[in-house]
């Protein structure tokens, strides 16, 4: 019961923080990641509470969403201590959070819980919702949808560059994520979501080149 109350309080805090977030990193994203993480953790044997808390908090210190990641981590520690979370659990949550974000490079988390939440976060970046979030993020960053002259290759040096197109983001990140899943449970879910993106891109290019008119 105690853990359930803490999760509810964490959801309320994150809802206030991300209430006006329009890049696809809103409270609904955090809740989807939390539910995915819970599902994967139960299948893979991870600590469900650690995974759910990590899922809800993982975007708060993200460098693309805050000007001061270090202060954000301090805010999280203060919040957890205020709710009487023991030091060991705090350290487990912080460790699990460390490598969730892609940041232009794949990093394998140290703990099972970190792997679970990383998988859950990446599953929400692909598939139908992933496509919607990608265009929301690109629009917020002022990126064009597509430029046929732009190379669709992964380039970690220009990752998240405003000069990138939204379609390029599929090639530099989204289409790679299927092969970066850590758990067997996530790998199975990723296959279907990856195929949906492949189908979408095929339809996109067909319409872009007016090949769907006949």
C-alpha atoms as a PDB file:
ATOM      1  CA  UNK A   1       0.000   0.000   0.000  1.00  0.00           C
ATOM      2  CA  UNK A   2       2.885   2.359   0.834  1.00  0.00           C
ATOM      3  CA  UNK A   3       4.474   1.828  -2.584  1.00  0.00           C
ATOM      4  CA  UNK A   4       1.156   2.436  -4.340  1.00  0.00           C
ATOM      5  CA  UNK A   5       0.720   5.776  -2.555  1.00  0.00           C
ATOM      6  CA  UNK A   6       4.262   6.857  -3.465  1.00  0.00           C
ATOM      7  CA  UNK A   7       3.659   6.011  -7.119  1.00  0.00           C
ATOM      8  CA  UNK A   8       0.460   8.075  -7.082  1.00  0.00           C
ATOM      9  CA  UNK A   9       2.323  11.032  -5.539  1.00  0.00           C
ATOM     10  CA  UNK A  10       5.082  10.695  -8.129  1.00  0.00           C
ATOM     11  CA  UNK A  11       2.511  10.697 -10.940  1.00  0.00           C
ATOM     12  CA  UNK A  12       0.969  13.892  -9.538  1.00  0.00           C
ATOM     13  CA  UNK A  13       4.378  15.573  -9.368  1.00  0.00           C
ATOM     14  CA  UNK A  14       5.309  14.595 -12.922  1.00  0.00           C
ATOM     15  CA  UNK A  15       1.891  15.686 -14.178  1.00  0.00           C
ATOM     16  CA  UNK A  16       2.588  19.190 -12.840  1.00  0.00           C
ATOM     17  CA  UNK A  17       6.068  19.232 -14.378  1.00  0.00           C
ATOM     18  CA  UNK A  18       5.061  17.969 -17.825  1.00  0.00           C
ATOM     19  CA  UNK A  19       1.540  19.445 -18.012  1.00  0.00           C
ATOM     20  CA  UNK A  20       2.359  21.680 -21.000  1.00  0.00           C
ATOM     21  CA  UNK A  21       4.960  19.424 -22.627  1.00  0.00           C
ATOM     22  CA  UNK A  22       4.303  19.180 -26.384  1.00  0.00           C
ATOM     23  CA  UNK A  23       7.286  17.172 -27.664  1.00  0.00           C
ATOM     24  CA  UNK A  24       5.777  13.786 -26.857  1.00  0.00           C
ATOM     25  CA  UNK A  25       7.472  13.626 -23.461  1.00  0.00           C
ATOM     26  CA  UNK A  26       4.301  14.339 -21.512  1.00  0.00           C
ATOM     27  CA  UNK A  27       2.670  12.622 -18.525  1.00  0.00           C
ATOM     28  CA  UNK A  28       0.921  10.193 -20.877  1.00  0.00           C
ATOM     29  CA  UNK A  29       4.302   9.060 -22.195  1.00  0.00           C
ATOM     30  CA  UNK A  30       5.520   8.505 -18.643  1.00  0.00           C
ATOM     31  CA  UNK A  31       2.410   6.511 -17.765  1.00  0.00           C
ATOM     32  CA  UNK A  32       2.717   4.350 -20.879  1.00  0.00           C
ATOM     33  CA  UNK A  33       6.370   3.664 -20.086  1.00  0.00           C
ATOM     34  CA  UNK A  34       5.392   2.820 -16.514  1.00  0.00           C
ATOM     35  CA  UNK A  35       2.776   0.286 -17.645  1.00  0.00           C
ATOM     36  CA  UNK A  36       5.149  -1.224 -20.203  1.00  0.00           C
ATOM     37  CA  UNK A  37       7.896  -1.427 -17.579  1.00  0.00           C
ATOM     38  CA  UNK A  38       5.565  -3.134 -15.135  1.00  0.00           C
ATOM     39  CA  UNK A  39       4.578  -5.700 -17.771  1.00  0.00           C
ATOM     40  CA  UNK A  40       8.187  -6.411 -18.741  1.00  0.00           C
ATOM     41  CA  UNK A  41       9.371  -6.529 -15.120  1.00  0.00           C
ATOM     42  CA  UNK A  42       6.748  -9.122 -14.213  1.00  0.00           C
ATOM     43  CA  UNK A  43       7.762 -11.242 -17.202  1.00  0.00           C
ATOM     44  CA  UNK A  44      11.511 -10.860 -16.646  1.00  0.00           C
ATOM     45  CA  UNK A  45      11.673 -10.923 -12.848  1.00  0.00           C
ATOM     46  CA  UNK A  46      12.584  -7.282 -12.216  1.00  0.00           C
ATOM     47  CA  UNK A  47      11.621  -5.242  -9.174  1.00  0.00           C
ATOM     48  CA  UNK A  48       8.253  -3.782 -10.184  1.00  0.00           C
ATOM     49  CA  UNK A  49       8.365  -0.828  -7.773  1.00  0.00           C
ATOM     50  CA  UNK A  50      11.854   0.238  -8.879  1.00  0.00           C
ATOM     51  CA  UNK A  51      10.812  -0.060 -12.526  1.00  0.00           C
ATOM     52  CA  UNK A  52       7.602   1.937 -12.108  1.00  0.00           C
ATOM     53  CA  UNK A  53       9.296   4.722 -10.173  1.00  0.00           C
ATOM     54  CA  UNK A  54      12.170   4.878 -12.661  1.00  0.00           C
ATOM     55  CA  UNK A  55       9.720   5.012 -15.560  1.00  0.00           C
ATOM     56  CA  UNK A  56       7.846   7.953 -14.034  1.00  0.00           C
ATOM     57  CA  UNK A  57      11.000   9.908 -13.173  1.00  0.00           C
ATOM     58  CA  UNK A  58      13.313   9.127 -16.097  1.00  0.00           C
ATOM     59  CA  UNK A  59      12.517  12.218 -18.214  1.00  0.00           C
ATOM     60  CA  UNK A  60      12.761  14.765 -15.391  1.00  0.00           C
ATOM     61  CA  UNK A  61      16.577  15.131 -15.560  1.00  0.00           C
ATOM     62  CA  UNK A  62      16.802  14.537 -19.315  1.00  0.00           C
ATOM     63  CA  UNK A  63      19.116  17.105 -20.889  1.00  0.00           C
ATOM     64  CA  UNK A  64      16.714  17.822 -23.742  1.00  0.00           C
ATOM     65  CA  UNK A  65      13.916  18.697 -21.302  1.00  0.00           C
ATOM     66  CA  UNK A  66      15.716  20.567 -18.507  1.00  0.00           C
ATOM     67  CA  UNK A  67      18.391  23.238 -18.323  1.00  0.00           C
ATOM     68  CA  UNK A  68      19.947  21.774 -15.166  1.00  0.00           C
ATOM     69  CA  UNK A  69      20.058  17.941 -15.076  1.00  0.00           C
ATOM     70  CA  UNK A  70      22.146  17.892 -11.882  1.00  0.00           C
ATOM     71  CA  UNK A  71      19.588  19.986 -10.028  1.00  0.00           C
ATOM     72  CA  UNK A  72      16.854  17.722 -11.381  1.00  0.00           C
ATOM     73  CA  UNK A  73      18.586  14.710  -9.835  1.00  0.00           C
ATOM     74  CA  UNK A  74      18.804  16.561  -6.533  1.00  0.00           C
ATOM     75  CA  UNK A  75      15.074  17.320  -6.753  1.00  0.00           C
ATOM     76  CA  UNK A  76      14.387  13.607  -7.236  1.00  0.00           C
ATOM     77  CA  UNK A  77      16.532  12.623  -4.262  1.00  0.00           C
ATOM     78  CA  UNK A  78      14.792  15.225  -2.080  1.00  0.00           C
ATOM     79  CA  UNK A  79      11.367  13.995  -3.224  1.00  0.00           C
ATOM     80  CA  UNK A  80      12.200  10.345  -2.536  1.00  0.00           C
ATOM     81  CA  UNK A  81      13.657  11.077   0.897  1.00  0.00           C
ATOM     82  CA  UNK A  82      10.645  13.217   1.763  1.00  0.00           C
ATOM     83  CA  UNK A  83       8.492  10.165   1.059  1.00  0.00           C
ATOM     84  CA  UNK A  84      10.675   7.985   3.277  1.00  0.00           C
ATOM     85  CA  UNK A  85      12.292   5.955   0.516  1.00  0.00           C
ATOM     86  CA  UNK A  86      15.372   4.242   1.946  1.00  0.00           C
ATOM     87  CA  UNK A  87      18.831   5.057   0.596  1.00  0.00           C
ATOM     88  CA  UNK A  88      19.340   1.686  -1.089  1.00  0.00           C
ATOM     89  CA  UNK A  89      16.100   2.030  -3.046  1.00  0.00           C
ATOM     90  CA  UNK A  90      16.984   5.601  -4.013  1.00  0.00           C
ATOM     91  CA  UNK A  91      20.322   4.404  -5.365  1.00  0.00           C
ATOM     92  CA  UNK A  92      18.613   1.609  -7.312  1.00  0.00           C
ATOM     93  CA  UNK A  93      16.203   4.084  -8.919  1.00  0.00           C
ATOM     94  CA  UNK A  94      18.990   6.526  -9.811  1.00  0.00           C
ATOM     95  CA  UNK A  95      21.117   3.714 -11.239  1.00  0.00           C
ATOM     96  CA  UNK A  96      18.214   2.443 -13.331  1.00  0.00           C
ATOM     97  CA  UNK A  97      17.574   5.961 -14.660  1.00  0.00           C
ATOM     98  CA  UNK A  98      21.174   6.559 -15.711  1.00  0.00           C
ATOM     99  CA  UNK A  99      21.160   5.028 -19.198  1.00  0.00           C
ATOM    100  CA  UNK A 100      17.489   5.077 -20.184  1.00  0.00           C
ATOM    101  CA  UNK A 101      17.823   7.879 -22.750  1.00  0.00           C
ATOM    102  CA  UNK A 102      19.318   7.144 -26.178  1.00  0.00           C
ATOM    103  CA  UNK A 103      21.379  10.383 -26.509  1.00  0.00           C
ATOM    104  CA  UNK A 104      22.657   9.352 -29.943  1.00  0.00           C
ATOM    105  CA  UNK A 105      24.295   6.174 -28.649  1.00  0.00           C
ATOM    106  CA  UNK A 106      23.117   2.821 -27.291  1.00  0.00           C
ATOM    107  CA  UNK A 107      24.184   2.138 -23.709  1.00  0.00           C
ATOM    108  CA  UNK A 108      23.363  -1.086 -21.873  1.00  0.00           C
ATOM    109  CA  UNK A 109      22.149  -0.354 -18.322  1.00  0.00           C
ATOM    110  CA  UNK A 110      23.909  -1.954 -15.373  1.00  0.00           C
ATOM    111  CA  UNK A 111      20.819  -3.436 -13.722  1.00  0.00           C
ATOM    112  CA  UNK A 112      17.851  -5.500 -14.860  1.00  0.00           C
ATOM    113  CA  UNK A 113      15.542  -2.685 -13.797  1.00  0.00           C
ATOM    114  CA  UNK A 114      17.499  -0.236 -15.938  1.00  0.00           C
ATOM    115  CA  UNK A 115      17.220  -2.593 -18.896  1.00  0.00           C
ATOM    116  CA  UNK A 116      13.487  -3.005 -18.327  1.00  0.00           C
ATOM    117  CA  UNK A 117      12.792   0.748 -18.254  1.00  0.00           C
ATOM    118  CA  UNK A 118      15.105   1.416 -21.187  1.00  0.00           C
ATOM    119  CA  UNK A 119      13.154  -1.185 -23.171  1.00  0.00           C
ATOM    120  CA  UNK A 120       9.822   0.313 -22.105  1.00  0.00           C
ATOM    121  CA  UNK A 121      10.915   3.840 -23.050  1.00  0.00           C
ATOM    122  CA  UNK A 122      12.150   2.670 -26.439  1.00  0.00           C
ATOM    123  CA  UNK A 123       8.986   0.703 -27.121  1.00  0.00           C
ATOM    124  CA  UNK A 124       7.048   3.945 -26.700  1.00  0.00           C
ATOM    125  CA  UNK A 125       9.370   5.551 -29.278  1.00  0.00           C
ATOM    126  CA  UNK A 126       8.351   3.104 -32.010  1.00  0.00           C
ATOM    127  CA  UNK A 127       5.084   1.895 -33.486  1.00  0.00           C
ATOM    128  CA  UNK A 128       2.002   4.062 -34.032  1.00  0.00           C
ATOM    129  CA  UNK A 129       2.481   6.249 -30.960  1.00  0.00           C
ATOM    130  CA  UNK A 130       6.197   6.468 -31.643  1.00  0.00           C
ATOM    131  CA  UNK A 131       5.462   7.881 -35.098  1.00  0.00           C
ATOM    132  CA  UNK A 132       3.094  10.479 -33.617  1.00  0.00           C
ATOM    133  CA  UNK A 133       5.654  11.450 -30.965  1.00  0.00           C
ATOM    134  CA  UNK A 134       8.394  11.774 -33.579  1.00  0.00           C
ATOM    135  CA  UNK A 135       6.448  14.314 -35.624  1.00  0.00           C
ATOM    136  CA  UNK A 136       5.397  16.186 -32.468  1.00  0.00           C
ATOM    137  CA  UNK A 137       9.047  16.458 -31.426  1.00  0.00           C
ATOM    138  CA  UNK A 138      10.180  17.469 -34.920  1.00  0.00           C
ATOM    139  CA  UNK A 139       7.501  20.138 -35.162  1.00  0.00           C
ATOM    140  CA  UNK A 140       8.431  21.553 -31.780  1.00  0.00           C
ATOM    141  CA  UNK A 141      12.075  21.724 -32.883  1.00  0.00           C
ATOM    142  CA  UNK A 142      11.147  23.421 -36.152  1.00  0.00           C
ATOM    143  CA  UNK A 143      12.368  20.530 -38.279  1.00  0.00           C
ATOM    144  CA  UNK A 144      11.007  19.980 -41.805  1.00  0.00           C
ATOM    145  CA  UNK A 145       9.104  16.749 -42.328  1.00  0.00           C
ATOM    146  CA  UNK A 146      11.238  15.483 -45.199  1.00  0.00           C
ATOM    147  CA  UNK A 147      13.925  16.546 -47.649  1.00  0.00           C
ATOM    148  CA  UNK A 148      14.617  14.026 -50.438  1.00  0.00           C
ATOM    149  CA  UNK A 149      18.161  15.382 -50.783  1.00  0.00           C
ATOM    150  CA  UNK A 150      19.042  14.735 -47.139  1.00  0.00           C
ATOM    151  CA  UNK A 151      20.895  11.469 -46.440  1.00  0.00           C
ATOM    152  CA  UNK A 152      18.926   9.095 -44.217  1.00  0.00           C
ATOM    153  CA  UNK A 153      21.878   7.770 -42.268  1.00  0.00           C
ATOM    154  CA  UNK A 154      22.667   7.570 -38.575  1.00  0.00           C
ATOM    155  CA  UNK A 155      25.127  10.256 -37.528  1.00  0.00           C
ATOM    156  CA  UNK A 156      25.679  10.574 -33.797  1.00  0.00           C
ATOM    157  CA  UNK A 157      27.495  13.879 -34.269  1.00  0.00           C
ATOM    158  CA  UNK A 158      24.373  15.575 -35.600  1.00  0.00           C
ATOM    159  CA  UNK A 159      21.843  13.680 -33.487  1.00  0.00           C
ATOM    160  CA  UNK A 160      18.942  16.003 -32.492  1.00  0.00           C
ATOM    161  CA  UNK A 161      20.335  18.715 -34.741  1.00  0.00           C
ATOM    162  CA  UNK A 162      17.621  21.192 -35.826  1.00  0.00           C
ATOM    163  CA  UNK A 163      18.929  20.802 -39.385  1.00  0.00           C
ATOM    164  CA  UNK A 164      17.769  17.192 -39.398  1.00  0.00           C
ATOM    165  CA  UNK A 165      14.412  16.249 -40.894  1.00  0.00           C
ATOM    166  CA  UNK A 166      11.834  14.274 -38.967  1.00  0.00           C
ATOM    167  CA  UNK A 167      11.988  11.420 -41.477  1.00  0.00           C
ATOM    168  CA  UNK A 168      15.748  11.191 -40.942  1.00  0.00           C
ATOM    169  CA  UNK A 169      15.104  10.552 -37.267  1.00  0.00           C
ATOM    170  CA  UNK A 170      13.591   7.201 -38.213  1.00  0.00           C
ATOM    171  CA  UNK A 171      16.923   6.129 -39.694  1.00  0.00           C
ATOM    172  CA  UNK A 172      19.230   7.585 -37.055  1.00  0.00           C
ATOM    173  CA  UNK A 173      17.277   6.144 -34.124  1.00  0.00           C
ATOM    174  CA  UNK A 174      13.820   4.620 -34.406  1.00  0.00           C
ATOM    175  CA  UNK A 175      14.564   1.855 -36.907  1.00  0.00           C
ATOM    176  CA  UNK A 176      17.609   0.850 -34.841  1.00  0.00           C
ATOM    177  CA  UNK A 177      15.748   0.320 -31.591  1.00  0.00           C
ATOM    178  CA  UNK A 178      14.354  -3.130 -32.441  1.00  0.00           C
ATOM    179  CA  UNK A 179      17.859  -4.556 -32.270  1.00  0.00           C
ATOM    180  CA  UNK A 180      18.741  -2.677 -29.076  1.00  0.00           C
ATOM    181  CA  UNK A 181      16.078  -4.229 -26.847  1.00  0.00           C
ATOM    182  CA  UNK A 182      17.500  -5.917 -23.761  1.00  0.00           C
ATOM    183  CA  UNK A 183      14.760  -8.336 -22.730  1.00  0.00           C
ATOM    184  CA  UNK A 184      13.037 -11.129 -24.637  1.00  0.00           C
ATOM    185  CA  UNK A 185       9.645  -9.681 -23.677  1.00  0.00           C
ATOM    186  CA  UNK A 186      10.473  -6.303 -25.241  1.00  0.00           C
ATOM    187  CA  UNK A 187      12.011  -7.898 -28.328  1.00  0.00           C
ATOM    188  CA  UNK A 188       8.700  -9.607 -29.142  1.00  0.00           C
ATOM    189  CA  UNK A 189       6.709  -6.385 -28.747  1.00  0.00           C
ATOM    190  CA  UNK A 190       9.281  -4.432 -30.767  1.00  0.00           C
ATOM    191  CA  UNK A 191       8.956  -6.679 -33.818  1.00  0.00           C
ATOM    192  CA  UNK A 192       5.328  -5.680 -34.421  1.00  0.00           C
ATOM    193  CA  UNK A 193       5.922  -1.999 -33.734  1.00  0.00           C
ATOM    194  CA  UNK A 194       9.001  -1.959 -35.965  1.00  0.00           C
ATOM    195  CA  UNK A 195       7.057  -3.492 -38.840  1.00  0.00           C
ATOM    196  CA  UNK A 196       4.365  -0.837 -38.461  1.00  0.00           C
ATOM    197  CA  UNK A 197       7.026   1.861 -38.916  1.00  0.00           C
ATOM    198  CA  UNK A 198       8.401   0.110 -41.999  1.00  0.00           C
ATOM    199  CA  UNK A 199       4.890  -0.012 -43.454  1.00  0.00           C
ATOM    200  CA  UNK A 200       4.334   3.652 -42.603  1.00  0.00           C
ATOM    201  CA  UNK A 201       7.550   4.764 -44.319  1.00  0.00           C
ATOM    202  CA  UNK A 202       6.658   2.740 -47.397  1.00  0.00           C
ATOM    203  CA  UNK A 203       3.265   4.483 -47.557  1.00  0.00           C
ATOM    204  CA  UNK A 204       4.883   7.871 -46.844  1.00  0.00           C
ATOM    205  CA  UNK A 205       7.300   7.595 -49.775  1.00  0.00           C
ATOM    206  CA  UNK A 206       4.564   6.285 -52.033  1.00  0.00           C
ATOM    207  CA  UNK A 207       2.427   9.347 -51.327  1.00  0.00           C
ATOM    208  CA  UNK A 208       5.423  11.720 -51.433  1.00  0.00           C
ATOM    209  CA  UNK A 209       6.330  10.511 -54.917  1.00  0.00           C
ATOM    210  CA  UNK A 210       2.663  10.328 -55.974  1.00  0.00           C
ATOM    211  CA  UNK A 211       3.016   6.617 -56.709  1.00  0.00           C
ATOM    212  CA  UNK A 212      -0.265   5.853 -54.947  1.00  0.00           C
ATOM    213  CA  UNK A 213      -2.394   7.638 -57.566  1.00  0.00           C
ATOM    214  CA  UNK A 214      -3.021   4.670 -59.794  1.00  0.00           C
END
